[in-house]
Amino acid sequence: ELCISMAKLNIAAGEKAIESCRHKTAYSYLDNALSLLPDDHWNSNYDLSLRVSFMMASAANSSSMYDEAEILLQRIFDKGHCTTDKLPSYHLLVTIFLSQGKVVDAYNTCSSMLSHLGETIPETVTPQAVEAIVPETLQMVREIYGAEWLGKKIENESVRQILKFYPALINAS
């Protein structure tokens, strides 16, 4: 229990460092937090493991430590229980791919995740095709949330994630 408490203190310090844009410092705090978790932390402390791993990957990305970020994200993909838990990590991976100029990898990841979320993505996508898909998705959101959806918090996590992947898909295409 003491190790978990210490890990939580390191996570809190990591969050403060992230808020101050001190991403390398945050990475160090979060790495300490991860090292304090028990060996079976993905089973015994799943939510904490998911949270600290994602925060670490984000801090690594912001510090241009892309390889480290990808390793952490891969661990989330391997250990994550469900797609909903993994979606933010896939979105971060797409961001990393785009920042490295790996547009094909970014496109393929976006396309795969959007298809997994029930969206129909054509075999070949041009910016014009994406522009045609986006209004359909926006219409779906309007049907769920009404005409004033921009002023409301979108509570459906799948819809929120779909809306995050489309801009990345446009950037990659």
Protein backbone atom coordinates (compact mmCIF):
# COMPACT_ATOMS: atom_id res chain seq x y z
CA GLU A 1 0.00 0.00 0.00
CA LEU A 2 2.88 2.38 0.75
CA CYS A 3 4.26 1.87 -2.76
CA ILE A 4 0.86 2.64 -4.29
CA SER A 5 0.62 5.82 -2.19
CA MET A 6 4.10 6.85 -3.31
CA ALA A 7 3.18 6.08 -6.91
CA LYS A 8 0.11 8.31 -6.60
CA LEU A 9 2.28 11.14 -5.21
CA ASN A 10 4.60 10.79 -8.20
CA ILE A 11 1.60 10.84 -10.54
CA ALA A 12 0.35 14.04 -8.89
CA ALA A 13 3.82 15.57 -9.30
CA GLY A 14 3.84 14.43 -12.93
CA GLU A 15 0.46 16.09 -13.52
CA LYS A 16 1.75 19.36 -12.04
CA ALA A 17 4.83 19.16 -14.25
CA ILE A 18 2.65 18.59 -17.32
CA GLU A 19 0.50 21.60 -16.38
CA SER A 20 3.73 23.63 -16.26
CA CYS A 21 4.87 22.27 -19.65
CA ARG A 22 7.81 20.50 -17.99
CA HIS A 23 7.31 17.27 -19.91
CA LYS A 24 10.72 15.69 -19.30
CA THR A 25 10.27 16.27 -15.57
CA ALA A 26 6.78 14.81 -15.81
CA TYR A 27 8.16 11.78 -17.61
CA SER A 28 10.63 11.21 -14.76
CA TYR A 29 7.95 11.45 -12.08
CA LEU A 30 5.67 9.13 -14.02
CA ASP A 31 8.49 6.67 -14.64
CA ASN A 32 9.07 6.62 -10.87
CA ALA A 33 5.36 6.05 -10.33
CA LEU A 34 5.35 3.13 -12.74
CA SER A 35 8.38 1.58 -11.08
CA LEU A 36 6.62 1.70 -7.70
CA LEU A 37 3.66 -0.32 -8.92
CA PRO A 38 3.69 -4.08 -8.28
CA ASP A 39 4.82 -6.45 -11.03
CA ASP A 40 1.22 -7.43 -11.75
CA HIS A 41 0.04 -3.81 -11.82
CA TRP A 42 -1.94 -4.24 -15.04
CA ASN A 43 -4.07 -6.82 -13.19
CA SER A 44 -4.05 -5.43 -9.66
CA ASN A 45 -4.17 -1.69 -10.50
CA TYR A 46 -5.53 -1.55 -14.04
CA ASP A 47 -6.95 2.01 -14.02
CA LEU A 48 -3.82 3.43 -12.42
CA SER A 49 -1.60 1.52 -14.87
CA LEU A 50 -3.59 2.76 -17.85
CA ARG A 51 -3.54 6.34 -16.59
CA VAL A 52 0.17 6.52 -15.76
CA SER A 53 1.17 4.74 -18.99
CA PHE A 54 -0.86 7.14 -21.12
CA MET A 55 0.42 10.18 -19.24
CA MET A 56 3.98 8.91 -19.65
CA ALA A 57 3.48 8.35 -23.38
CA SER A 58 2.07 11.88 -23.70
CA ALA A 59 5.01 13.35 -21.79
CA ALA A 60 7.44 11.33 -23.92
CA ASN A 61 5.75 12.59 -27.09
CA SER A 62 5.91 16.19 -25.88
CA SER A 63 9.63 15.68 -25.16
CA SER A 64 10.25 14.27 -28.67
CA MET A 65 10.96 10.84 -27.17
CA TYR A 66 8.88 9.15 -29.84
CA ASP A 67 10.35 5.66 -29.49
CA GLU A 68 9.63 5.65 -25.75
CA ALA A 69 6.11 6.94 -26.39
CA GLU A 70 5.46 4.18 -28.94
CA ILE A 71 6.74 1.48 -26.54
CA LEU A 72 4.40 2.74 -23.82
CA LEU A 73 1.48 2.92 -26.25
CA GLN A 74 2.16 -0.61 -27.44
CA ARG A 75 1.98 -1.78 -23.83
CA ILE A 76 -1.42 -0.08 -23.52
CA PHE A 77 -2.58 -1.79 -26.73
CA ASP A 78 -1.39 -5.14 -25.36
CA LYS A 79 -2.72 -4.78 -21.82
CA GLY A 80 -5.81 -2.59 -22.35
CA HIS A 81 -9.09 -4.35 -21.67
CA CYS A 82 -11.28 -2.71 -24.30
CA THR A 83 -11.20 -0.45 -27.32
CA THR A 84 -12.59 2.49 -25.34
CA ASP A 85 -9.60 2.32 -23.01
CA LYS A 86 -7.21 2.23 -25.97
CA LEU A 87 -8.73 4.96 -28.17
CA PRO A 88 -6.86 7.93 -26.64
CA SER A 89 -3.64 5.97 -27.08
CA TYR A 90 -4.39 5.29 -30.74
CA HIS A 91 -5.10 8.97 -31.24
CA LEU A 92 -1.76 9.84 -29.60
CA LEU A 93 -0.03 7.30 -31.85
CA VAL A 94 -1.56 9.01 -34.90
CA THR A 95 -0.28 12.36 -33.60
CA ILE A 96 3.20 10.87 -33.22
CA PHE A 97 3.09 9.41 -36.73
CA LEU A 98 2.03 12.76 -38.20
CA SER A 99 4.74 14.66 -36.33
CA GLN A 100 7.32 12.25 -37.77
CA GLY A 101 5.96 12.50 -41.30
CA LYS A 102 4.69 8.91 -41.25
CA VAL A 103 1.46 9.84 -43.01
CA VAL A 104 0.76 6.33 -44.32
CA ASP A 105 0.99 4.89 -40.79
CA ALA A 106 -1.17 7.73 -39.47
CA TYR A 107 -3.75 7.20 -42.21
CA ASN A 108 -3.85 3.44 -41.71
CA THR A 109 -4.27 3.79 -37.94
CA CYS A 110 -7.05 6.38 -38.33
CA SER A 111 -8.80 4.32 -40.96
CA SER A 112 -8.56 1.16 -38.86
CA MET A 113 -9.88 2.85 -35.72
CA LEU A 114 -12.71 4.64 -37.53
CA SER A 115 -13.73 1.35 -39.17
CA HIS A 116 -13.60 -0.33 -35.77
CA LEU A 117 -15.92 2.41 -34.48
CA GLY A 118 -18.44 1.66 -37.22
CA GLU A 119 -17.46 4.32 -39.73
CA THR A 120 -17.19 3.40 -43.40
CA ILE A 121 -13.90 4.51 -44.87
CA PRO A 122 -13.39 4.11 -48.63
CA GLU A 123 -10.40 2.10 -49.92
CA THR A 124 -8.82 5.22 -51.35
CA VAL A 125 -9.41 8.51 -49.66
CA THR A 126 -8.92 11.91 -51.13
CA PRO A 127 -9.40 15.11 -49.20
CA GLN A 128 -12.68 15.50 -51.11
CA ALA A 129 -13.88 12.07 -49.97
CA VAL A 130 -13.08 12.91 -46.35
CA GLU A 131 -14.94 16.19 -46.74
CA ALA A 132 -17.97 14.17 -47.83
CA ILE A 133 -17.71 11.80 -44.84
CA VAL A 134 -17.43 14.53 -42.22
CA PRO A 135 -20.92 16.01 -42.86
CA GLU A 136 -22.42 12.52 -42.46
CA THR A 137 -20.72 12.17 -39.09
CA LEU A 138 -21.81 15.65 -38.05
CA GLN A 139 -25.38 14.75 -39.01
CA MET A 140 -25.13 11.65 -36.81
CA VAL A 141 -23.98 13.87 -33.93
CA ARG A 142 -26.86 16.30 -34.55
CA GLU A 143 -29.33 13.42 -34.49
CA ILE A 144 -27.96 12.24 -31.15
CA TYR A 145 -27.43 15.63 -29.48
CA GLY A 146 -29.65 18.08 -31.37
CA ALA A 147 -28.84 21.16 -33.40
CA GLU A 148 -26.98 22.88 -30.56
CA TRP A 149 -24.45 20.05 -30.16
CA LEU A 150 -21.41 22.35 -30.26
CA GLY A 151 -22.46 23.89 -26.96
CA LYS A 152 -22.95 20.52 -25.29
CA LYS A 153 -20.52 18.03 -23.92
CA ILE A 154 -20.59 14.93 -26.09
CA GLU A 155 -21.10 12.13 -23.60
CA ASN A 156 -20.96 9.26 -26.07
CA GLU A 157 -17.27 8.32 -25.96
CA SER A 158 -17.36 6.61 -29.37
CA VAL A 159 -18.73 9.75 -31.04
CA ARG A 160 -16.12 11.89 -29.28
CA GLN A 161 -13.35 9.60 -30.50
CA ILE A 162 -14.74 9.49 -34.04
CA LEU A 163 -14.66 13.28 -34.10
CA LYS A 164 -11.03 13.24 -32.96
CA PHE A 165 -9.88 10.82 -35.65
CA TYR A 166 -11.38 12.64 -38.64
CA PRO A 167 -9.11 15.72 -38.51
CA ALA A 168 -6.10 13.39 -38.25
CA LEU A 169 -7.41 11.38 -41.20
CA ILE A 170 -7.71 14.60 -43.20
CA ASN A 171 -4.14 15.57 -42.28
CA ALA A 172 -2.85 12.15 -43.29
CA SER A 173 -4.70 12.03 -46.62
